[in-house]
């Protein structure tokens, strides 16, 4: 099983998480180029070498219209002075949603970005006592935050860990000075996002965890705790700007856990009965669930009240995705109620290998664990060869197997 462990002993920010995760990729420059071509208005993103306490790592620089955002980069309008409000444009959640929907990324990544930004907006709304629709974000800070959040969501999608384990988060202590005044650490929005999550302070008088960092960790973490027993395959260090006695970085460790040592993970199963939807409508709904992170979706024929034929719909997801799945189920189906079961699941570790044949490359899915190894060629690749070469699927599979010998 592929595991990502995030060591947040010096807190977390969007740029630090981006830098730590990008170090896990084999080609950092290629990813940065892709990131800069997404179409985030006025944004340019670069990386640079950074050394903290003798440790080499990466520092990410996000510039908006050629300028790097300074203090309180992600503060909302309510945290800024009267002069600042009139000196800059501001964006509400509607504007942010419009920007995100225009990005050249998959629907899954867009859903992740929106979910993370919604956590920040919810926190700001709670802190300031105003509806989310009245929260307005500083224009430059908005672009900066969208860049950080989108980068992390893309990296998580590319790395595709089956579990993301996050250490207890060091939030710092003391106070932080913003345009509107002096706030306690953790900042109110950060504290709200991190409720029910293990955090701690310390002797470092600084804001170590930002609202953006907190929201990203909350969205992607499958659990919080100590590092498990794992075989590490890659390590990344994402550096912050400031210097402290301790290395100011987020450390990301990517590795594998043997299934024999794995205690499994917990998933939520959401059920509802449907007797007044067409098969096409149910199929459309299933696509929405999968694109938003559902682990599994299926239907079972069922006999309903008054002997009506219907379906039992099951949507399996991680705990962090439950609220979004409930919203989607009520939006895209006719059900009036949803039931919930908490299940413990055990999975084989999965990887993808690429085979080069004289008819082109073919991906092979390999699953291992519990003394078992299973493999299957990617259907799309097999079907492509079958169509191009006028062969049956069985003939293509036999051909690829011969090529592997």
Foldseek 3Di string as FASTA:
>chain_A
DKEKEKEQALADDLQQLLFFLLQQDPDSVVLQVLLQPFPLAQKHKDWDWDAAPRDIAIGIFIAGVNHGDDPPLWDWPVQADPVLPVVFDWAALVRLLVSLVSTPDALQLSLQLNQLVVLLLVLNCVVVVHDSRPIITTPRSSSVLSSSSSSNSVSCVVVVGPAYEYEAHEQEFAWDATNNGIATTVGSSLVVLCPPGHYDYDDGHDGRYDSSTSSSCLLRHLYYHDDDDWDFDGKHWRQDDDHDPDGNTMMMTITDDALVPDPFGKKKKKKDKAQPDDPVLVVVLVVVLVSNAWPDWDWDWDQDPPRGITIIIITMGRPSCVVVNVVSCVVRGVTPDMDMDMDGDGAFDWDWDWDQDPLGIWIKIWTDHPNDIDIDIDPVVLVVSCVVVVHDSVVSVVVSVVSVD
